Amino acid sequence: MRVSLATVYNTLHQFSGAGLLRQIVMDGPKAYFDTNITEHHHFLVEDEFALSDIPGAALWLESMPVIPKGYEIARVDVVVRLRRKI
């Protein structure tokens, strides 16, 4: 069965909107869809475009910036970019 790429992405975006997937947007048009919707962060191996989880408790922020009046923080996403040593 042939399915258009637009249909696949529309479905992924609908799943994200329903809270079944978490969309992680990278540079430019690059995006990942994560089935782990718990609070956690990510390692990104830049050369391989590989994404792996960092448990939420493994990283903490000592303070948060002052946010503009009328807004609240929805969530904080941290991506630690890695590359192999030369």
PDB file of N, CA and C in Angstrom:
ATOM      1  N   MET A   1       0.838  -1.171   0.000  1.00  0.00           N
ATOM      2  CA  MET A   1       0.000   0.000   0.000  1.00  0.00           C
ATOM      3  C   MET A   1       0.888   1.241   0.000  1.00  0.00           C
ATOM      4  N   ARG A   2       0.609   2.163  -0.864  1.00  0.00           N
ATOM      5  CA  ARG A   2       1.369   3.411  -0.936  1.00  0.00           C
ATOM      6  C   ARG A   2       0.670   4.477  -0.104  1.00  0.00           C
ATOM      7  N   VAL A   3       1.458   5.181   0.683  1.00  0.00           N
ATOM      8  CA  VAL A   3       0.947   6.272   1.505  1.00  0.00           C
ATOM      9  C   VAL A   3       1.846   7.473   1.269  1.00  0.00           C
ATOM     10  N   SER A   4       1.241   8.633   1.085  1.00  0.00           N
ATOM     11  CA  SER A   4       2.051   9.816   0.820  1.00  0.00           C
ATOM     12  C   SER A   4       2.796  10.247   2.074  1.00  0.00           C
ATOM     13  N   LEU A   5       3.932  10.875   1.883  1.00  0.00           N
ATOM     14  CA  LEU A   5       4.727  11.378   2.994  1.00  0.00           C
ATOM     15  C   LEU A   5       3.941  12.422   3.786  1.00  0.00           C
ATOM     16  N   ALA A   6       3.144  13.216   3.119  1.00  0.00           N
ATOM     17  CA  ALA A   6       2.310  14.214   3.797  1.00  0.00           C
ATOM     18  C   ALA A   6       1.342  13.544   4.762  1.00  0.00           C
ATOM     19  N   THR A   7       0.786  12.418   4.375  1.00  0.00           N
ATOM     20  CA  THR A   7      -0.131  11.689   5.249  1.00  0.00           C
ATOM     21  C   THR A   7       0.598  11.195   6.495  1.00  0.00           C
ATOM     22  N   VAL A   8       1.805  10.688   6.311  1.00  0.00           N
ATOM     23  CA  VAL A   8       2.599  10.213   7.446  1.00  0.00           C
ATOM     24  C   VAL A   8       2.868  11.361   8.412  1.00  0.00           C
ATOM     25  N   TYR A   9       3.333  12.508   7.904  1.00  0.00           N
ATOM     26  CA  TYR A   9       3.643  13.646   8.771  1.00  0.00           C
ATOM     27  C   TYR A   9       2.388  14.240   9.403  1.00  0.00           C
ATOM     28  N   ASN A  10       1.290  14.296   8.676  1.00  0.00           N
ATOM     29  CA  ASN A  10       0.036  14.766   9.267  1.00  0.00           C
ATOM     30  C   ASN A  10      -0.378  13.872  10.433  1.00  0.00           C
ATOM     31  N   THR A  11      -0.217  12.569  10.271  1.00  0.00           N
ATOM     32  CA  THR A  11      -0.559  11.625  11.337  1.00  0.00           C
ATOM     33  C   THR A  11       0.368  11.813  12.535  1.00  0.00           C
ATOM     34  N   LEU A  12       1.674  11.965  12.291  1.00  0.00           N
ATOM     35  CA  LEU A  12       2.617  12.195  13.383  1.00  0.00           C
ATOM     36  C   LEU A  12       2.274  13.470  14.152  1.00  0.00           C
ATOM     37  N   HIS A  13       1.922  14.530  13.438  1.00  0.00           N
ATOM     38  CA  HIS A  13       1.558  15.791  14.086  1.00  0.00           C
ATOM     39  C   HIS A  13       0.259  15.648  14.883  1.00  0.00           C
ATOM     40  N   GLN A  14      -0.687  14.877  14.382  1.00  0.00           N
ATOM     41  CA  GLN A  14      -1.923  14.637  15.126  1.00  0.00           C
ATOM     42  C   GLN A  14      -1.641  13.838  16.398  1.00  0.00           C
ATOM     43  N   PHE A  15      -0.773  12.836  16.304  1.00  0.00           N
ATOM     44  CA  PHE A  15      -0.385  12.069  17.488  1.00  0.00           C
ATOM     45  C   PHE A  15       0.312  12.975  18.509  1.00  0.00           C
ATOM     46  N   SER A  16       1.165  13.884  18.033  1.00  0.00           N
ATOM     47  CA  SER A  16       1.837  14.829  18.931  1.00  0.00           C
ATOM     48  C   SER A  16       0.814  15.736  19.613  1.00  0.00           C
ATOM     49  N   GLY A  17      -0.131  16.237  18.845  1.00  0.00           N
ATOM     50  CA  GLY A  17      -1.165  17.100  19.396  1.00  0.00           C
ATOM     51  C   GLY A  17      -2.021  16.408  20.429  1.00  0.00           C
ATOM     52  N   ALA A  18      -2.203  15.106  20.277  1.00  0.00           N
ATOM     53  CA  ALA A  18      -3.001  14.324  21.219  1.00  0.00           C
ATOM     54  C   ALA A  18      -2.176  13.859  22.426  1.00  0.00           C
ATOM     55  N   GLY A  19      -0.873  14.161  22.438  1.00  0.00           N
ATOM     56  CA  GLY A  19      -0.021  13.774  23.553  1.00  0.00           C
ATOM     57  C   GLY A  19       0.513  12.362  23.489  1.00  0.00           C
ATOM     58  N   LEU A  20       0.411  11.718  22.331  1.00  0.00           N
ATOM     59  CA  LEU A  20       0.899  10.347  22.177  1.00  0.00           C
ATOM     60  C   LEU A  20       2.362  10.291  21.749  1.00  0.00           C
ATOM     61  N   LEU A  21       2.844  11.364  21.143  1.00  0.00           N
ATOM     62  CA  LEU A  21       4.236  11.507  20.720  1.00  0.00           C
ATOM     63  C   LEU A  21       4.722  12.873  21.168  1.00  0.00           C
ATOM     64  N   ARG A  22       6.029  13.020  21.225  1.00  0.00           N
ATOM     65  CA  ARG A  22       6.638  14.308  21.548  1.00  0.00           C
ATOM     66  C   ARG A  22       7.508  14.701  20.369  1.00  0.00           C
ATOM     67  N   GLN A  23       7.230  15.857  19.795  1.00  0.00           N
ATOM     68  CA  GLN A  23       8.029  16.329  18.662  1.00  0.00           C
ATOM     69  C   GLN A  23       9.226  17.106  19.183  1.00  0.00           C
ATOM     70  N   ILE A  24      10.409  16.763  18.678  1.00  0.00           N
ATOM     71  CA  ILE A  24      11.644  17.435  19.038  1.00  0.00           C
ATOM     72  C   ILE A  24      12.181  18.076  17.773  1.00  0.00           C
ATOM     73  N   VAL A  25      12.149  19.395  17.735  1.00  0.00           N
ATOM     74  CA  VAL A  25      12.563  20.129  16.546  1.00  0.00           C
ATOM     75  C   VAL A  25      14.048  20.459  16.660  1.00  0.00           C
ATOM     76  N   MET A  26      14.789  20.164  15.614  1.00  0.00           N
ATOM     77  CA  MET A  26      16.217  20.473  15.571  1.00  0.00           C
ATOM     78  C   MET A  26      16.449  21.614  14.584  1.00  0.00           C
ATOM     79  N   ASP A  27      17.670  21.758  14.131  1.00  0.00           N
ATOM     80  CA  ASP A  27      18.021  22.812  13.192  1.00  0.00           C
ATOM     81  C   ASP A  27      17.206  22.717  11.913  1.00  0.00           C
ATOM     82  N   GLY A  28      16.710  23.859  11.459  1.00  0.00           N
ATOM     83  CA  GLY A  28      15.974  23.913  10.190  1.00  0.00           C
ATOM     84  C   GLY A  28      14.762  23.013  10.211  1.00  0.00           C
ATOM     85  N   PRO A  29      14.550  22.281   9.138  1.00  0.00           N
ATOM     86  CA  PRO A  29      13.343  21.460   9.041  1.00  0.00           C
ATOM     87  C   PRO A  29      13.448  20.103   9.752  1.00  0.00           C
ATOM     88  N   LYS A  30      14.596  19.817  10.352  1.00  0.00           N
ATOM     89  CA  LYS A  30      14.818  18.516  10.995  1.00  0.00           C
ATOM     90  C   LYS A  30      13.977  18.385  12.263  1.00  0.00           C
ATOM     91  N   ALA A  31      13.232  17.295  12.373  1.00  0.00           N
ATOM     92  CA  ALA A  31      12.433  17.033  13.570  1.00  0.00           C
ATOM     93  C   ALA A  31      12.441  15.538  13.858  1.00  0.00           C
ATOM     94  N   TYR A  32      12.336  15.220  15.138  1.00  0.00           N
ATOM     95  CA  TYR A  32      12.247  13.840  15.584  1.00  0.00           C
ATOM     96  C   TYR A  32      10.918  13.679  16.316  1.00  0.00           C
ATOM     97  N   PHE A  33      10.377  12.488  16.295  1.00  0.00           N
ATOM     98  CA  PHE A  33       9.165  12.187  17.040  1.00  0.00           C
ATOM     99  C   PHE A  33       9.506  11.105  18.048  1.00  0.00           C
ATOM    100  N   ASP A  34       9.294  11.414  19.317  1.00  0.00           N
ATOM    101  CA  ASP A  34       9.697  10.548  20.415  1.00  0.00           C
ATOM    102  C   ASP A  34       8.461   9.900  21.031  1.00  0.00           C
ATOM    103  N   THR A  35       8.494   8.592  21.186  1.00  0.00           N
ATOM    104  CA  THR A  35       7.374   7.885  21.802  1.00  0.00           C
ATOM    105  C   THR A  35       7.430   7.948  23.329  1.00  0.00           C
ATOM    106  N   ASN A  36       8.549   8.386  23.875  1.00  0.00           N
ATOM    107  CA  ASN A  36       8.691   8.549  25.319  1.00  0.00           C
ATOM    108  C   ASN A  36       8.200   9.954  25.664  1.00  0.00           C
ATOM    109  N   ILE A  37       7.000  10.053  26.231  1.00  0.00           N
ATOM    110  CA  ILE A  37       6.432  11.371  26.508  1.00  0.00           C
ATOM    111  C   ILE A  37       6.644  11.807  27.956  1.00  0.00           C
ATOM    112  N   THR A  38       7.426  11.024  28.727  1.00  0.00           N
ATOM    113  CA  THR A  38       7.749  11.437  30.087  1.00  0.00           C
ATOM    114  C   THR A  38       8.749  12.587  30.036  1.00  0.00           C
ATOM    115  N   GLU A  39       8.928  13.273  31.176  1.00  0.00           N
ATOM    116  CA  GLU A  39       9.859  14.384  31.221  1.00  0.00           C
ATOM    117  C   GLU A  39      11.291  13.860  31.160  1.00  0.00           C
ATOM    118  N   HIS A  40      11.983  14.171  30.103  1.00  0.00           N
ATOM    119  CA  HIS A  40      13.377  13.766  29.940  1.00  0.00           C
ATOM    120  C   HIS A  40      14.028  14.661  28.894  1.00  0.00           C
ATOM    121  N   HIS A  41      15.320  14.493  28.721  1.00  0.00           N
ATOM    122  CA  HIS A  41      16.102  15.306  27.794  1.00  0.00           C
ATOM    123  C   HIS A  41      16.804  14.385  26.810  1.00  0.00           C
ATOM    124  N   HIS A  42      17.649  14.953  25.942  1.00  0.00           N
ATOM    125  CA  HIS A  42      18.234  14.139  24.871  1.00  0.00           C
ATOM    126  C   HIS A  42      19.700  14.442  24.608  1.00  0.00           C
ATOM    127  N   PHE A  43      20.420  13.381  24.221  1.00  0.00           N
ATOM    128  CA  PHE A  43      21.723  13.491  23.585  1.00  0.00           C
ATOM    129  C   PHE A  43      21.471  13.423  22.085  1.00  0.00           C
ATOM    130  N   LEU A  44      22.142  14.258  21.320  1.00  0.00           N
ATOM    131  CA  LEU A  44      22.092  14.187  19.861  1.00  0.00           C
ATOM    132  C   LEU A  44      23.517  13.993  19.367  1.00  0.00           C
ATOM    133  N   VAL A  45      23.778  12.864  18.718  1.00  0.00           N
ATOM    134  CA  VAL A  45      25.087  12.621  18.099  1.00  0.00           C
ATOM    135  C   VAL A  45      25.000  13.252  16.714  1.00  0.00           C
ATOM    136  N   GLU A  46      25.666  14.401  16.559  1.00  0.00           N
ATOM    137  CA  GLU A  46      25.494  15.219  15.361  1.00  0.00           C
ATOM    138  C   GLU A  46      25.867  14.513  14.067  1.00  0.00           C
ATOM    139  N   ASP A  47      26.989  13.786  14.063  1.00  0.00           N
ATOM    140  CA  ASP A  47      27.450  13.137  12.828  1.00  0.00           C
ATOM    141  C   ASP A  47      26.514  12.025  12.369  1.00  0.00           C
ATOM    142  N   GLU A  48      25.807  11.423  13.309  1.00  0.00           N
ATOM    143  CA  GLU A  48      24.954  10.276  12.994  1.00  0.00           C
ATOM    144  C   GLU A  48      23.465  10.612  13.024  1.00  0.00           C
ATOM    145  N   PHE A  49      23.122  11.834  13.444  1.00  0.00           N
ATOM    146  CA  PHE A  49      21.722  12.239  13.632  1.00  0.00           C
ATOM    147  C   PHE A  49      20.988  11.248  14.519  1.00  0.00           C
ATOM    148  N   ALA A  50      21.689  10.738  15.557  1.00  0.00           N
ATOM    149  CA  ALA A  50      21.116   9.763  16.485  1.00  0.00           C
ATOM    150  C   ALA A  50      20.698  10.475  17.766  1.00  0.00           C
ATOM    151  N   LEU A  51      19.513  10.178  18.220  1.00  0.00           N
ATOM    152  CA  LEU A  51      18.956  10.793  19.416  1.00  0.00           C
ATOM    153  C   LEU A  51      18.786   9.718  20.482  1.00  0.00           C
ATOM    154  N   SER A  52      19.238   9.996  21.720  1.00  0.00           N
ATOM    155  CA  SER A  52      19.027   9.058  22.820  1.00  0.00           C
ATOM    156  C   SER A  52      18.602   9.838  24.057  1.00  0.00           C
ATOM    157  N   ASP A  53      17.953   9.148  24.970  1.00  0.00           N
ATOM    158  CA  ASP A  53      17.359   9.799  26.132  1.00  0.00           C
ATOM    159  C   ASP A  53      18.362  10.071  27.246  1.00  0.00           C
ATOM    160  N   ILE A  54      18.120  11.183  27.937  1.00  0.00           N
ATOM    161  CA  ILE A  54      18.758  11.507  29.205  1.00  0.00           C
ATOM    162  C   ILE A  54      17.611  11.545  30.207  1.00  0.00           C
ATOM    163  N   PRO A  55      17.655  10.722  31.265  1.00  0.00           N
ATOM    164  CA  PRO A  55      16.556  10.760  32.236  1.00  0.00           C
ATOM    165  C   PRO A  55      16.365  12.162  32.813  1.00  0.00           C
ATOM    166  N   GLY A  56      15.123  12.536  33.069  1.00  0.00           N
ATOM    167  CA  GLY A  56      14.816  13.869  33.579  1.00  0.00           C
ATOM    168  C   GLY A  56      15.542  14.197  34.869  1.00  0.00           C
ATOM    169  N   ALA A  57      15.717  13.213  35.756  1.00  0.00           N
ATOM    170  CA  ALA A  57      16.376  13.438  37.043  1.00  0.00           C
ATOM    171  C   ALA A  57      17.889  13.577  36.913  1.00  0.00           C
ATOM    172  N   ALA A  58      18.455  13.254  35.751  1.00  0.00           N
ATOM    173  CA  ALA A  58      19.905  13.305  35.563  1.00  0.00           C
ATOM    174  C   ALA A  58      20.408  14.715  35.273  1.00  0.00           C
ATOM    175  N   LEU A  59      19.504  15.646  35.069  1.00  0.00           N
ATOM    176  CA  LEU A  59      19.888  17.004  34.718  1.00  0.00           C
ATOM    177  C   LEU A  59      18.962  17.955  35.460  1.00  0.00           C
ATOM    178  N   TRP A  60      19.499  19.013  36.028  1.00  0.00           N
ATOM    179  CA  TRP A  60      18.641  19.983  36.700  1.00  0.00           C
ATOM    180  C   TRP A  60      19.150  21.381  36.408  1.00  0.00           C
ATOM    181  N   LEU A  61      18.235  22.320  36.407  1.00  0.00           N
ATOM    182  CA  LEU A  61      18.566  23.723  36.216  1.00  0.00           C
ATOM    183  C   LEU A  61      18.502  24.412  37.567  1.00  0.00           C
ATOM    184  N   GLU A  62      19.529  25.177  37.866  1.00  0.00           N
ATOM    185  CA  GLU A  62      19.577  25.849  39.153  1.00  0.00           C
ATOM    186  C   GLU A  62      18.579  26.992  39.228  1.00  0.00           C
ATOM    187  N   SER A  63      18.353  27.655  38.113  1.00  0.00           N
ATOM    188  CA  SER A  63      17.374  28.739  38.097  1.00  0.00           C
ATOM    189  C   SER A  63      16.783  28.850  36.695  1.00  0.00           C
ATOM    190  N   MET A  64      15.654  29.496  36.616  1.00  0.00           N
ATOM    191  CA  MET A  64      14.976  29.708  35.339  1.00  0.00           C
ATOM    192  C   MET A  64      14.957  31.205  35.047  1.00  0.00           C
ATOM    193  N   PRO A  65      14.920  31.565  33.781  1.00  0.00           N
ATOM    194  CA  PRO A  65      14.853  32.996  33.450  1.00  0.00           C
ATOM    195  C   PRO A  65      13.487  33.570  33.835  1.00  0.00           C
ATOM    196  N   VAL A  66      13.458  34.891  33.996  1.00  0.00           N
ATOM    197  CA  VAL A  66      12.190  35.564  34.242  1.00  0.00           C
ATOM    198  C   VAL A  66      11.406  35.529  32.939  1.00  0.00           C
ATOM    199  N   ILE A  67      10.184  35.047  33.004  1.00  0.00           N
ATOM    200  CA  ILE A  67       9.376  34.948  31.787  1.00  0.00           C
ATOM    201  C   ILE A  67       8.462  36.168  31.681  1.00  0.00           C
ATOM    202  N   PRO A  68       8.084  36.514  30.462  1.00  0.00           N
ATOM    203  CA  PRO A  68       7.213  37.684  30.280  1.00  0.00           C
ATOM    204  C   PRO A  68       5.874  37.513  30.991  1.00  0.00           C
ATOM    205  N   LYS A  69       5.328  38.619  31.434  1.00  0.00           N
ATOM    206  CA  LYS A  69       4.027  38.620  32.117  1.00  0.00           C
ATOM    207  C   LYS A  69       2.963  38.027  31.193  1.00  0.00           C
ATOM    208  N   GLY A  70       2.110  37.202  31.772  1.00  0.00           N
ATOM    209  CA  GLY A  70       1.033  36.587  31.002  1.00  0.00           C
ATOM    210  C   GLY A  70       1.392  35.243  30.395  1.00  0.00           C
ATOM    211  N   TYR A  71       2.617  34.768  30.641  1.00  0.00           N
ATOM    212  CA  TYR A  71       3.054  33.483  30.107  1.00  0.00           C
ATOM    213  C   TYR A  71       3.426  32.545  31.244  1.00  0.00           C
ATOM    214  N   GLU A  72       3.462  31.256  30.940  1.00  0.00           N
ATOM    215  CA  GLU A  72       3.958  30.260  31.870  1.00  0.00           C
ATOM    216  C   GLU A  72       4.829  29.283  31.092  1.00  0.00           C
ATOM    217  N   ILE A  73       5.735  28.645  31.779  1.00  0.00           N
ATOM    218  CA  ILE A  73       6.615  27.671  31.131  1.00  0.00           C
ATOM    219  C   ILE A  73       5.827  26.386  30.911  1.00  0.00           C
ATOM    220  N   ALA A  74       5.764  25.950  29.666  1.00  0.00           N
ATOM    221  CA  ALA A  74       5.063  24.709  29.322  1.00  0.00           C
ATOM    222  C   ALA A  74       5.950  23.503  29.596  1.00  0.00           C
ATOM    223  N   ARG A  75       7.202  23.588  29.206  1.00  0.00           N
ATOM    224  CA  ARG A  75       8.181  22.544  29.493  1.00  0.00           C
ATOM    225  C   ARG A  75       9.548  23.049  29.059  1.00  0.00           C
ATOM    226  N   VAL A  76      10.565  22.403  29.531  1.00  0.00           N
ATOM    227  CA  VAL A  76      11.944  22.753  29.180  1.00  0.00           C
ATOM    228  C   VAL A  76      12.556  21.561  28.479  1.00  0.00           C
ATOM    229  N   ASP A  77      13.064  21.771  27.274  1.00  0.00           N
ATOM    230  CA  ASP A  77      13.725  20.712  26.514  1.00  0.00           C
ATOM    231  C   ASP A  77      15.209  21.029  26.430  1.00  0.00           C
ATOM    232  N   VAL A  78      16.034  20.072  26.838  1.00  0.00           N
ATOM    233  CA  VAL A  78      17.482  20.229  26.753  1.00  0.00           C
ATOM    234  C   VAL A  78      18.011  19.181  25.786  1.00  0.00           C
ATOM    235  N   VAL A  79      18.778  19.635  24.796  1.00  0.00           N
ATOM    236  CA  VAL A  79      19.433  18.733  23.854  1.00  0.00           C
ATOM    237  C   VAL A  79      20.938  18.945  23.996  1.00  0.00           C
ATOM    238  N   VAL A  80      21.651  17.891  24.398  1.00  0.00           N
ATOM    239  CA  VAL A  80      23.104  17.936  24.520  1.00  0.00           C
ATOM    240  C   VAL A  80      23.664  17.350  23.239  1.00  0.00           C
ATOM    241  N   ARG A  81      24.362  18.192  22.482  1.00  0.00           N
ATOM    242  CA  ARG A  81      24.901  17.770  21.185  1.00  0.00           C
ATOM    243  C   ARG A  81      26.283  17.156  21.380  1.00  0.00           C
ATOM    244  N   LEU A  82      26.471  15.987  20.784  1.00  0.00           N
ATOM    245  CA  LEU A  82      27.737  15.256  20.928  1.00  0.00           C
ATOM    246  C   LEU A  82      28.395  15.066  19.567  1.00  0.00           C
ATOM    247  N   ARG A  83      29.705  14.955  19.588  1.00  0.00           N
ATOM    248  CA  ARG A  83      30.461  14.529  18.402  1.00  0.00           C
ATOM    249  C   ARG A  83      31.649  13.723  18.901  1.00  0.00           C
ATOM    250  N   ARG A  84      32.130  12.826  18.063  1.00  0.00           N
ATOM    251  CA  ARG A  84      33.241  11.958  18.443  1.00  0.00           C
ATOM    252  C   ARG A  84      34.516  12.785  18.528  1.00  0.00           C
ATOM    253  N   LYS A  85      35.363  12.425  19.484  1.00  0.00           N
ATOM    254  CA  LYS A  85      36.665  13.073  19.604  1.00  0.00           C
ATOM    255  C   LYS A  85      37.541  12.687  18.420  1.00  0.00           C
ATOM    256  N   ILE A  86      38.345  13.594  18.007  1.00  0.00           N
ATOM    257  CA  ILE A  86      39.259  13.317  16.876  1.00  0.00           C
ATOM    258  C   ILE A  86      40.585  12.842  17.393  1.00  0.00           C
TER     259      ILE A  86
END
